[in-house]
Amino acid sequence: MPGQWEGSGRRAELPPDWYTTIRPRILDRDGHRCRWIMTDGRRCTRAATEVDHIKGKHDHRDQNLQALCEWHHRRKSSAEGNAQRRRFSNRRPPEQHPGLL
């Protein structure tokens, strides 16, 4: 997607052989099929175009990588980003109603 890395330093954090070795190896391992398991227990049937870090974005071992379709990768990344923003939010916690004190 054009612009999806714009303003991000993420690409610089990837190993030098990410695009030539690691990414193709994971896509091949997973048969170029999305590994997302849907709520009904079935696996997504879309073609995988992305390689996702399951846990920890700095762990590039094969067991921490999975092939995902673009839609599920965006969904997962968005949920993780939103959770991170909520954890480090500057908002004050809601105050208790005076009648409940």
PDB file of N, CA and C in Angstrom:
ATOM      1  N   MET A   1       0.846  -1.185   0.000  1.00  0.00           N
ATOM      2  CA  MET A   1       0.000   0.000   0.000  1.00  0.00           C
ATOM      3  C   MET A   1       0.884   1.239   0.000  1.00  0.00           C
ATOM      4  N   PRO A   2       0.635   2.142  -0.880  1.00  0.00           N
ATOM      5  CA  PRO A   2       1.422   3.367  -0.878  1.00  0.00           C
ATOM      6  C   PRO A   2       1.181   4.153   0.405  1.00  0.00           C
ATOM      7  N   GLY A   3       2.274   4.591   1.004  1.00  0.00           N
ATOM      8  CA  GLY A   3       2.154   5.438   2.181  1.00  0.00           C
ATOM      9  C   GLY A   3       1.954   4.716   3.495  1.00  0.00           C
ATOM     10  N   GLN A   4       1.824   3.393   3.490  1.00  0.00           N
ATOM     11  CA  GLN A   4       1.553   2.714   4.751  1.00  0.00           C
ATOM     12  C   GLN A   4       2.747   2.790   5.710  1.00  0.00           C
ATOM     13  N   TRP A   5       3.961   2.972   5.205  1.00  0.00           N
ATOM     14  CA  TRP A   5       5.144   3.097   6.058  1.00  0.00           C
ATOM     15  C   TRP A   5       5.515   4.555   6.281  1.00  0.00           C
ATOM     16  N   GLU A   6       4.785   5.464   5.681  1.00  0.00           N
ATOM     17  CA  GLU A   6       5.119   6.879   5.759  1.00  0.00           C
ATOM     18  C   GLU A   6       5.140   7.356   7.211  1.00  0.00           C
ATOM     19  N   GLY A   7       6.243   7.987   7.607  1.00  0.00           N
ATOM     20  CA  GLY A   7       6.363   8.503   8.963  1.00  0.00           C
ATOM     21  C   GLY A   7       6.709   7.446   9.999  1.00  0.00           C
ATOM     22  N   SER A   8       6.912   6.213   9.567  1.00  0.00           N
ATOM     23  CA  SER A   8       7.215   5.132  10.493  1.00  0.00           C
ATOM     24  C   SER A   8       8.691   4.768  10.407  1.00  0.00           C
ATOM     25  N   GLY A   9       9.293   4.453  11.536  1.00  0.00           N
ATOM     26  CA  GLY A   9      10.670   3.977  11.563  1.00  0.00           C
ATOM     27  C   GLY A   9      10.734   2.465  11.639  1.00  0.00           C
ATOM     28  N   ARG A  10       9.581   1.822  11.486  1.00  0.00           N
ATOM     29  CA  ARG A  10       9.487   0.368  11.644  1.00  0.00           C
ATOM     30  C   ARG A  10      10.368  -0.389  10.660  1.00  0.00           C
ATOM     31  N   ARG A  11      10.420   0.052   9.424  1.00  0.00           N
ATOM     32  CA  ARG A  11      11.192  -0.663   8.407  1.00  0.00           C
ATOM     33  C   ARG A  11      12.669  -0.763   8.809  1.00  0.00           C
ATOM     34  N   ALA A  12      13.198   0.275   9.436  1.00  0.00           N
ATOM     35  CA  ALA A  12      14.604   0.280   9.860  1.00  0.00           C
ATOM     36  C   ALA A  12      14.856  -0.719  10.989  1.00  0.00           C
ATOM     37  N   GLU A  13      13.806  -1.137  11.698  1.00  0.00           N
ATOM     38  CA  GLU A  13      13.948  -2.086  12.805  1.00  0.00           C
ATOM     39  C   GLU A  13      13.997  -3.535  12.330  1.00  0.00           C
ATOM     40  N   LEU A  14      13.658  -3.780  11.071  1.00  0.00           N
ATOM     41  CA  LEU A  14      13.642  -5.139  10.538  1.00  0.00           C
ATOM     42  C   LEU A  14      15.057  -5.583  10.187  1.00  0.00           C
ATOM     43  N   PRO A  15      15.331  -6.894  10.268  1.00  0.00           N
ATOM     44  CA  PRO A  15      16.659  -7.388   9.907  1.00  0.00           C
ATOM     45  C   PRO A  15      16.968  -7.098   8.434  1.00  0.00           C
ATOM     46  N   PRO A  16      18.246  -6.984   8.079  1.00  0.00           N
ATOM     47  CA  PRO A  16      18.613  -6.669   6.693  1.00  0.00           C
ATOM     48  C   PRO A  16      18.099  -7.692   5.676  1.00  0.00           C
ATOM     49  N   ASP A  17      17.941  -8.957   6.098  1.00  0.00           N
ATOM     50  CA  ASP A  17      17.475  -9.991   5.164  1.00  0.00           C
ATOM     51  C   ASP A  17      15.965 -10.248   5.259  1.00  0.00           C
ATOM     52  N   TRP A  18      15.219  -9.299   5.827  1.00  0.00           N
ATOM     53  CA  TRP A  18      13.774  -9.469   5.992  1.00  0.00           C
ATOM     54  C   TRP A  18      13.081  -9.754   4.657  1.00  0.00           C
ATOM     55  N   TYR A  19      13.341  -8.920   3.658  1.00  0.00           N
ATOM     56  CA  TYR A  19      12.637  -9.042   2.375  1.00  0.00           C
ATOM     57  C   TYR A  19      13.224 -10.115   1.470  1.00  0.00           C
ATOM     58  N   THR A  20      14.509 -10.425   1.621  1.00  0.00           N
ATOM     59  CA  THR A  20      15.141 -11.394   0.725  1.00  0.00           C
ATOM     60  C   THR A  20      15.083 -12.821   1.244  1.00  0.00           C
ATOM     61  N   THR A  21      15.031 -13.003   2.568  1.00  0.00           N
ATOM     62  CA  THR A  21      15.092 -14.348   3.140  1.00  0.00           C
ATOM     63  C   THR A  21      13.928 -14.661   4.079  1.00  0.00           C
ATOM     64  N   ILE A  22      13.768 -13.864   5.127  1.00  0.00           N
ATOM     65  CA  ILE A  22      12.807 -14.191   6.189  1.00  0.00           C
ATOM     66  C   ILE A  22      11.369 -14.151   5.687  1.00  0.00           C
ATOM     67  N   ARG A  23      10.968 -13.035   5.103  1.00  0.00           N
ATOM     68  CA  ARG A  23       9.579 -12.875   4.652  1.00  0.00           C
ATOM     69  C   ARG A  23       9.183 -13.961   3.645  1.00  0.00           C
ATOM     70  N   PRO A  24       9.989 -14.200   2.581  1.00  0.00           N
ATOM     71  CA  PRO A  24       9.619 -15.265   1.637  1.00  0.00           C
ATOM     72  C   PRO A  24       9.553 -16.644   2.301  1.00  0.00           C
ATOM     73  N   ARG A  25      10.454 -16.912   3.260  1.00  0.00           N
ATOM     74  CA  ARG A  25      10.456 -18.211   3.939  1.00  0.00           C
ATOM     75  C   ARG A  25       9.157 -18.425   4.717  1.00  0.00           C
ATOM     76  N   ILE A  26       8.679 -17.398   5.418  1.00  0.00           N
ATOM     77  CA  ILE A  26       7.451 -17.527   6.210  1.00  0.00           C
ATOM     78  C   ILE A  26       6.238 -17.673   5.295  1.00  0.00           C
ATOM     79  N   LEU A  27       6.186 -16.887   4.225  1.00  0.00           N
ATOM     80  CA  LEU A  27       5.069 -17.014   3.277  1.00  0.00           C
ATOM     81  C   LEU A  27       5.048 -18.418   2.672  1.00  0.00           C
ATOM     82  N   ASP A  28       6.217 -18.958   2.309  1.00  0.00           N
ATOM     83  CA  ASP A  28       6.292 -20.323   1.770  1.00  0.00           C
ATOM     84  C   ASP A  28       5.866 -21.345   2.816  1.00  0.00           C
ATOM     85  N   ARG A  29       6.359 -21.185   4.044  1.00  0.00           N
ATOM     86  CA  ARG A  29       6.023 -22.127   5.118  1.00  0.00           C
ATOM     87  C   ARG A  29       4.514 -22.216   5.317  1.00  0.00           C
ATOM     88  N   ASP A  30       3.845 -21.063   5.261  1.00  0.00           N
ATOM     89  CA  ASP A  30       2.402 -21.016   5.498  1.00  0.00           C
ATOM     90  C   ASP A  30       1.588 -21.185   4.219  1.00  0.00           C
ATOM     91  N   GLY A  31       2.247 -21.554   3.129  1.00  0.00           N
ATOM     92  CA  GLY A  31       1.540 -21.821   1.873  1.00  0.00           C
ATOM     93  C   GLY A  31       0.911 -20.588   1.254  1.00  0.00           C
ATOM     94  N   HIS A  32       1.436 -19.418   1.581  1.00  0.00           N
ATOM     95  CA  HIS A  32       0.901 -18.143   1.067  1.00  0.00           C
ATOM     96  C   HIS A  32      -0.589 -17.988   1.379  1.00  0.00           C
ATOM     97  N   ARG A  33      -1.039 -18.610   2.493  1.00  0.00           N
ATOM     98  CA  ARG A  33      -2.431 -18.514   2.942  1.00  0.00           C
ATOM     99  C   ARG A  33      -2.458 -17.836   4.306  1.00  0.00           C
ATOM    100  N   CYS A  34      -3.465 -17.014   4.523  1.00  0.00           N
ATOM    101  CA  CYS A  34      -3.641 -16.314   5.797  1.00  0.00           C
ATOM    102  C   CYS A  34      -3.849 -17.332   6.921  1.00  0.00           C
ATOM    103  N   ARG A  35      -3.180 -17.137   8.041  1.00  0.00           N
ATOM    104  CA  ARG A  35      -3.297 -18.043   9.186  1.00  0.00           C
ATOM    105  C   ARG A  35      -4.315 -17.580  10.221  1.00  0.00           C
ATOM    106  N   TRP A  36      -5.033 -16.499   9.960  1.00  0.00           N
ATOM    107  CA  TRP A  36      -6.014 -15.976  10.914  1.00  0.00           C
ATOM    108  C   TRP A  36      -7.114 -17.010  11.143  1.00  0.00           C
ATOM    109  N   ILE A  37      -7.400 -17.290  12.413  1.00  0.00           N
ATOM    110  CA  ILE A  37      -8.491 -18.199  12.760  1.00  0.00           C
ATOM    111  C   ILE A  37      -9.704 -17.346  13.117  1.00  0.00           C
ATOM    112  N   MET A  38     -10.791 -17.571  12.394  1.00  0.00           N
ATOM    113  CA  MET A  38     -12.000 -16.769  12.593  1.00  0.00           C
ATOM    114  C   MET A  38     -12.779 -17.267  13.810  1.00  0.00           C
ATOM    115  N   THR A  39     -13.795 -16.522  14.208  1.00  0.00           N
ATOM    116  CA  THR A  39     -14.546 -16.842  15.427  1.00  0.00           C
ATOM    117  C   THR A  39     -15.228 -18.202  15.352  1.00  0.00           C
ATOM    118  N   ASP A  40     -15.528 -18.679  14.150  1.00  0.00           N
ATOM    119  CA  ASP A  40     -16.168 -19.992  14.021  1.00  0.00           C
ATOM    120  C   ASP A  40     -15.143 -21.123  13.972  1.00  0.00           C
ATOM    121  N   GLY A  41     -13.852 -20.790  14.170  1.00  0.00           N
ATOM    122  CA  GLY A  41     -12.806 -21.803  14.210  1.00  0.00           C
ATOM    123  C   GLY A  41     -12.176 -22.127  12.869  1.00  0.00           C
ATOM    124  N   ARG A  42     -12.727 -21.578  11.800  1.00  0.00           N
ATOM    125  CA  ARG A  42     -12.161 -21.832  10.471  1.00  0.00           C
ATOM    126  C   ARG A  42     -11.028 -20.854  10.186  1.00  0.00           C
ATOM    127  N   ARG A  43     -10.105 -21.304   9.348  1.00  0.00           N
ATOM    128  CA  ARG A  43      -8.984 -20.455   8.943  1.00  0.00           C
ATOM    129  C   ARG A  43      -9.418 -19.580   7.776  1.00  0.00           C
ATOM    130  N   CYS A  44      -8.945 -18.335   7.764  1.00  0.00           N
ATOM    131  CA  CYS A  44      -9.215 -17.414   6.656  1.00  0.00           C
ATOM    132  C   CYS A  44      -8.726 -18.056   5.358  1.00  0.00           C
ATOM    133  N   THR A  45      -9.453 -17.850   4.276  1.00  0.00           N
ATOM    134  CA  THR A  45      -9.102 -18.470   2.993  1.00  0.00           C
ATOM    135  C   THR A  45      -8.379 -17.519   2.044  1.00  0.00           C
ATOM    136  N   ARG A  46      -8.129 -16.291   2.475  1.00  0.00           N
ATOM    137  CA  ARG A  46      -7.472 -15.313   1.597  1.00  0.00           C
ATOM    138  C   ARG A  46      -5.979 -15.608   1.439  1.00  0.00           C
ATOM    139  N   ALA A  47      -5.428 -15.090   0.355  1.00  0.00           N
ATOM    140  CA  ALA A  47      -3.987 -15.193   0.123  1.00  0.00           C
ATOM    141  C   ALA A  47      -3.249 -14.292   1.105  1.00  0.00           C
ATOM    142  N   ALA A  48      -2.159 -14.791   1.648  1.00  0.00           N
ATOM    143  CA  ALA A  48      -1.337 -14.006   2.574  1.00  0.00           C
ATOM    144  C   ALA A  48      -0.364 -13.148   1.783  1.00  0.00           C
ATOM    145  N   THR A  49      -0.319 -11.875   2.135  1.00  0.00           N
ATOM    146  CA  THR A  49       0.619 -10.946   1.503  1.00  0.00           C
ATOM    147  C   THR A  49       1.494 -10.257   2.541  1.00  0.00           C
ATOM    148  N   GLU A  50       1.240 -10.507   3.818  1.00  0.00           N
ATOM    149  CA  GLU A  50       1.955  -9.847   4.911  1.00  0.00           C
ATOM    150  C   GLU A  50       2.553 -10.903   5.838  1.00  0.00           C
ATOM    151  N   VAL A  51       3.668 -10.564   6.476  1.00  0.00           N
ATOM    152  CA  VAL A  51       4.233 -11.412   7.528  1.00  0.00           C
ATOM    153  C   VAL A  51       4.138 -10.623   8.825  1.00  0.00           C
ATOM    154  N   ASP A  52       3.481 -11.223   9.804  1.00  0.00           N
ATOM    155  CA  ASP A  52       3.143 -10.572  11.065  1.00  0.00           C
ATOM    156  C   ASP A  52       3.956 -11.151  12.213  1.00  0.00           C
ATOM    157  N   HIS A  53       4.340 -10.284  13.148  1.00  0.00           N
ATOM    158  CA  HIS A  53       4.965 -10.718  14.393  1.00  0.00           C
ATOM    159  C   HIS A  53       3.839 -11.070  15.366  1.00  0.00           C
ATOM    160  N   ILE A  54       3.773 -12.309  15.794  1.00  0.00           N
ATOM    161  CA  ILE A  54       2.701 -12.762  16.676  1.00  0.00           C
ATOM    162  C   ILE A  54       2.781 -12.037  18.017  1.00  0.00           C
ATOM    163  N   LYS A  55       3.922 -12.046  18.645  1.00  0.00           N
ATOM    164  CA  LYS A  55       4.164 -11.344  19.914  1.00  0.00           C
ATOM    165  C   LYS A  55       5.518 -10.658  19.796  1.00  0.00           C
ATOM    166  N   GLY A  56       5.619  -9.472  20.254  1.00  0.00           N
ATOM    167  CA  GLY A  56       6.911  -8.791  20.278  1.00  0.00           C
ATOM    168  C   GLY A  56       7.464  -8.479  18.903  1.00  0.00           C
ATOM    169  N   LYS A  57       7.442  -7.219  18.542  1.00  0.00           N
ATOM    170  CA  LYS A  57       7.850  -6.821  17.191  1.00  0.00           C
ATOM    171  C   LYS A  57       9.347  -6.925  16.942  1.00  0.00           C
ATOM    172  N   HIS A  58      10.136  -7.218  17.970  1.00  0.00           N
ATOM    173  CA  HIS A  58      11.582  -7.333  17.785  1.00  0.00           C
ATOM    174  C   HIS A  58      12.046  -8.788  17.770  1.00  0.00           C
ATOM    175  N   ASP A  59      11.122  -9.724  17.901  1.00  0.00           N
ATOM    176  CA  ASP A  59      11.449 -11.152  17.865  1.00  0.00           C
ATOM    177  C   ASP A  59      11.180 -11.652  16.448  1.00  0.00           C
ATOM    178  N   HIS A  60      12.254 -11.837  15.677  1.00  0.00           N
ATOM    179  CA  HIS A  60      12.117 -12.207  14.269  1.00  0.00           C
ATOM    180  C   HIS A  60      12.321 -13.702  14.032  1.00  0.00           C
ATOM    181  N   ARG A  61      12.224 -14.508  15.092  1.00  0.00           N
ATOM    182  CA  ARG A  61      12.347 -15.959  14.917  1.00  0.00           C
ATOM    183  C   ARG A  61      11.111 -16.490  14.193  1.00  0.00           C
ATOM    184  N   ASP A  62      11.309 -17.564  13.428  1.00  0.00           N
ATOM    185  CA  ASP A  62      10.216 -18.132  12.636  1.00  0.00           C
ATOM    186  C   ASP A  62       8.984 -18.445  13.474  1.00  0.00           C
ATOM    187  N   GLN A  63       9.168 -18.955  14.688  1.00  0.00           N
ATOM    188  CA  GLN A  63       8.014 -19.336  15.512  1.00  0.00           C
ATOM    189  C   GLN A  63       7.201 -18.133  15.982  1.00  0.00           C
ATOM    190  N   ASN A  64       7.731 -16.922  15.824  1.00  0.00           N
ATOM    191  CA  ASN A  64       7.000 -15.711  16.196  1.00  0.00           C
ATOM    192  C   ASN A  64       6.435 -14.993  14.973  1.00  0.00           C
ATOM    193  N   LEU A  65       6.513 -15.612  13.820  1.00  0.00           N
ATOM    194  CA  LEU A  65       6.045 -14.980  12.585  1.00  0.00           C
ATOM    195  C   LEU A  65       4.938 -15.808  11.959  1.00  0.00           C
ATOM    196  N   GLN A  66       3.980 -15.120  11.340  1.00  0.00           N
ATOM    197  CA  GLN A  66       2.883 -15.803  10.655  1.00  0.00           C
ATOM    198  C   GLN A  66       2.487 -15.017   9.419  1.00  0.00           C
ATOM    199  N   ALA A  67       1.990 -15.734   8.427  1.00  0.00           N
ATOM    200  CA  ALA A  67       1.497 -15.100   7.208  1.00  0.00           C
ATOM    201  C   ALA A  67       0.045 -14.688   7.426  1.00  0.00           C
ATOM    202  N   LEU A  68      -0.282 -13.450   7.043  1.00  0.00           N
ATOM    203  CA  LEU A  68      -1.652 -12.950   7.144  1.00  0.00           C
ATOM    204  C   LEU A  68      -2.032 -12.243   5.849  1.00  0.00           C
ATOM    205  N   CYS A  69      -3.325 -12.222   5.560  1.00  0.00           N
ATOM    206  CA  CYS A  69      -3.810 -11.403   4.450  1.00  0.00           C
ATOM    207  C   CYS A  69      -3.725  -9.939   4.891  1.00  0.00           C
ATOM    208  N   GLU A  70      -3.778  -9.041   3.931  1.00  0.00           N
ATOM    209  CA  GLU A  70      -3.645  -7.619   4.258  1.00  0.00           C
ATOM    210  C   GLU A  70      -4.733  -7.166   5.232  1.00  0.00           C
ATOM    211  N   TRP A  71      -5.974  -7.633   5.048  1.00  0.00           N
ATOM    212  CA  TRP A  71      -7.090  -7.198   5.881  1.00  0.00           C
ATOM    213  C   TRP A  71      -6.876  -7.601   7.342  1.00  0.00           C
ATOM    214  N   HIS A  72      -6.511  -8.869   7.576  1.00  0.00           N
ATOM    215  CA  HIS A  72      -6.317  -9.320   8.956  1.00  0.00           C
ATOM    216  C   HIS A  72      -5.064  -8.704   9.578  1.00  0.00           C
ATOM    217  N   HIS A  73      -4.029  -8.465   8.782  1.00  0.00           N
ATOM    218  CA  HIS A  73      -2.827  -7.828   9.324  1.00  0.00           C
ATOM    219  C   HIS A  73      -3.145  -6.406   9.773  1.00  0.00           C
ATOM    220  N   ARG A  74      -3.890  -5.674   8.962  1.00  0.00           N
ATOM    221  CA  ARG A  74      -4.278  -4.306   9.346  1.00  0.00           C
ATOM    222  C   ARG A  74      -5.154  -4.322  10.595  1.00  0.00           C
ATOM    223  N   ARG A  75      -6.083  -5.254  10.649  1.00  0.00           N
ATOM    224  CA  ARG A  75      -6.990  -5.360  11.802  1.00  0.00           C
ATOM    225  C   ARG A  75      -6.199  -5.645  13.080  1.00  0.00           C
ATOM    226  N   LYS A  76      -5.283  -6.603  13.022  1.00  0.00           N
ATOM    227  CA  LYS A  76      -4.480  -6.961  14.195  1.00  0.00           C
ATOM    228  C   LYS A  76      -3.572  -5.803  14.600  1.00  0.00           C
ATOM    229  N   SER A  77      -2.891  -5.200  13.640  1.00  0.00           N
ATOM    230  CA  SER A  77      -1.982  -4.084  13.941  1.00  0.00           C
ATOM    231  C   SER A  77      -2.737  -2.895  14.522  1.00  0.00           C
ATOM    232  N   SER A  78      -3.926  -2.630  13.998  1.00  0.00           N
ATOM    233  CA  SER A  78      -4.739  -1.526  14.502  1.00  0.00           C
ATOM    234  C   SER A  78      -5.156  -1.781  15.949  1.00  0.00           C
ATOM    235  N   ALA A  79      -5.589  -2.999  16.238  1.00  0.00           N
ATOM    236  CA  ALA A  79      -6.001  -3.342  17.602  1.00  0.00           C
ATOM    237  C   ALA A  79      -4.823  -3.226  18.566  1.00  0.00           C
ATOM    238  N   GLU A  80      -3.643  -3.678  18.138  1.00  0.00           N
ATOM    239  CA  GLU A  80      -2.459  -3.583  18.999  1.00  0.00           C
ATOM    240  C   GLU A  80      -2.063  -2.127  19.227  1.00  0.00           C
ATOM    241  N   GLY A  81      -2.116  -1.321  18.182  1.00  0.00           N
ATOM    242  CA  GLY A  81      -1.784   0.100  18.310  1.00  0.00           C
ATOM    243  C   GLY A  81      -2.752   0.826  19.223  1.00  0.00           C
ATOM    244  N   ASN A  82      -4.044   0.525  19.090  1.00  0.00           N
ATOM    245  CA  ASN A  82      -5.053   1.154  19.952  1.00  0.00           C
ATOM    246  C   ASN A  82      -4.858   0.750  21.409  1.00  0.00           C
ATOM    247  N   ALA A  83      -4.544  -0.522  21.647  1.00  0.00           N
ATOM    248  CA  ALA A  83      -4.314  -0.986  23.017  1.00  0.00           C
ATOM    249  C   ALA A  83      -3.090  -0.290  23.613  1.00  0.00           C
ATOM    250  N   GLN A  84      -2.049  -0.123  22.812  1.00  0.00           N
ATOM    251  CA  GLN A  84      -0.835   0.559  23.281  1.00  0.00           C
ATOM    252  C   GLN A  84      -1.140   2.015  23.634  1.00  0.00           C
ATOM    253  N   ARG A  85      -1.902   2.686  22.790  1.00  0.00           N
ATOM    254  CA  ARG A  85      -2.260   4.082  23.059  1.00  0.00           C
ATOM    255  C   ARG A  85      -3.096   4.200  24.330  1.00  0.00           C
ATOM    256  N   ARG A  86      -4.008   3.260  24.552  1.00  0.00           N
ATOM    257  CA  ARG A  86      -4.828   3.294  25.771  1.00  0.00           C
ATOM    258  C   ARG A  86      -3.968   3.099  27.016  1.00  0.00           C
ATOM    259  N   ARG A  87      -2.972   2.226  26.929  1.00  0.00           N
ATOM    260  CA  ARG A  87      -2.094   1.968  28.082  1.00  0.00           C
ATOM    261  C   ARG A  87      -1.312   3.202  28.487  1.00  0.00           C
ATOM    262  N   PHE A  88      -0.916   4.005  27.513  1.00  0.00           N
ATOM    263  CA  PHE A  88      -0.080   5.162  27.795  1.00  0.00           C
ATOM    264  C   PHE A  88      -0.826   6.474  27.609  1.00  0.00           C
ATOM    265  N   SER A  89      -2.109   6.433  27.781  1.00  0.00           N
ATOM    266  CA  SER A  89      -2.932   7.620  27.613  1.00  0.00           C
ATOM    267  C   SER A  89      -2.672   8.607  28.750  1.00  0.00           C
ATOM    268  N   ASN A  90      -2.715   9.889  28.425  1.00  0.00           N
ATOM    269  CA  ASN A  90      -2.536  10.941  29.433  1.00  0.00           C
ATOM    270  C   ASN A  90      -3.856  11.327  30.093  1.00  0.00           C
ATOM    271  N   ARG A  91      -4.927  10.683  29.688  1.00  0.00           N
ATOM    272  CA  ARG A  91      -6.222  11.023  30.274  1.00  0.00           C
ATOM    273  C   ARG A  91      -6.292  10.578  31.728  1.00  0.00           C
ATOM    274  N   ARG A  92      -6.950  11.396  32.515  1.00  0.00           N
ATOM    275  CA  ARG A  92      -7.166  11.039  33.909  1.00  0.00           C
ATOM    276  C   ARG A  92      -8.219   9.946  33.985  1.00  0.00           C
ATOM    277  N   PRO A  93      -8.110   9.082  34.987  1.00  0.00           N
ATOM    278  CA  PRO A  93      -9.171   8.085  35.158  1.00  0.00           C
ATOM    279  C   PRO A  93     -10.469   8.789  35.533  1.00  0.00           C
ATOM    280  N   PRO A  94     -11.600   8.233  35.161  1.00  0.00           N
ATOM    281  CA  PRO A  94     -12.871   8.890  35.494  1.00  0.00           C
ATOM    282  C   PRO A  94     -13.052   8.990  37.010  1.00  0.00           C
ATOM    283  N   GLU A  95     -13.551  10.132  37.434  1.00  0.00           N
ATOM    284  CA  GLU A  95     -13.785  10.340  38.870  1.00  0.00           C
ATOM    285  C   GLU A  95     -15.096   9.683  39.271  1.00  0.00           C
ATOM    286  N   GLN A  96     -15.125   9.199  40.506  1.00  0.00           N
ATOM    287  CA  GLN A  96     -16.354   8.606  41.018  1.00  0.00           C
ATOM    288  C   GLN A  96     -17.382   9.696  41.250  1.00  0.00           C
ATOM    289  N   HIS A  97     -18.619   9.365  41.015  1.00  0.00           N
ATOM    290  CA  HIS A  97     -19.709  10.297  41.282  1.00  0.00           C
ATOM    291  C   HIS A  97     -19.737  10.588  42.785  1.00  0.00           C
ATOM    292  N   PRO A  98     -19.895  11.865  43.181  1.00  0.00           N
ATOM    293  CA  PRO A  98     -19.874  12.217  44.617  1.00  0.00           C
ATOM    294  C   PRO A  98     -20.877  11.423  45.445  1.00  0.00           C
ATOM    295  N   GLY A  99     -21.972  11.033  44.856  1.00  0.00           N
ATOM    296  CA  GLY A  99     -22.972  10.277  45.605  1.00  0.00           C
ATOM    297  C   GLY A  99     -22.547   8.842  45.864  1.00  0.00           C
ATOM    298  N   LEU A 100     -21.497   8.371  45.179  1.00  0.00           N
ATOM    299  CA  LEU A 100     -21.033   6.994  45.359  1.00  0.00           C
ATOM    300  C   LEU A 100     -19.826   6.898  46.284  1.00  0.00           C
ATOM    301  N   LEU A 101     -19.342   8.040  46.782  1.00  0.00           N
ATOM    302  CA  LEU A 101     -18.153   8.029  47.652  1.00  0.00           C
ATOM    303  C   LEU A 101     -18.459   7.519  49.026  1.00  0.00           C
TER     304      LEU A 101
END
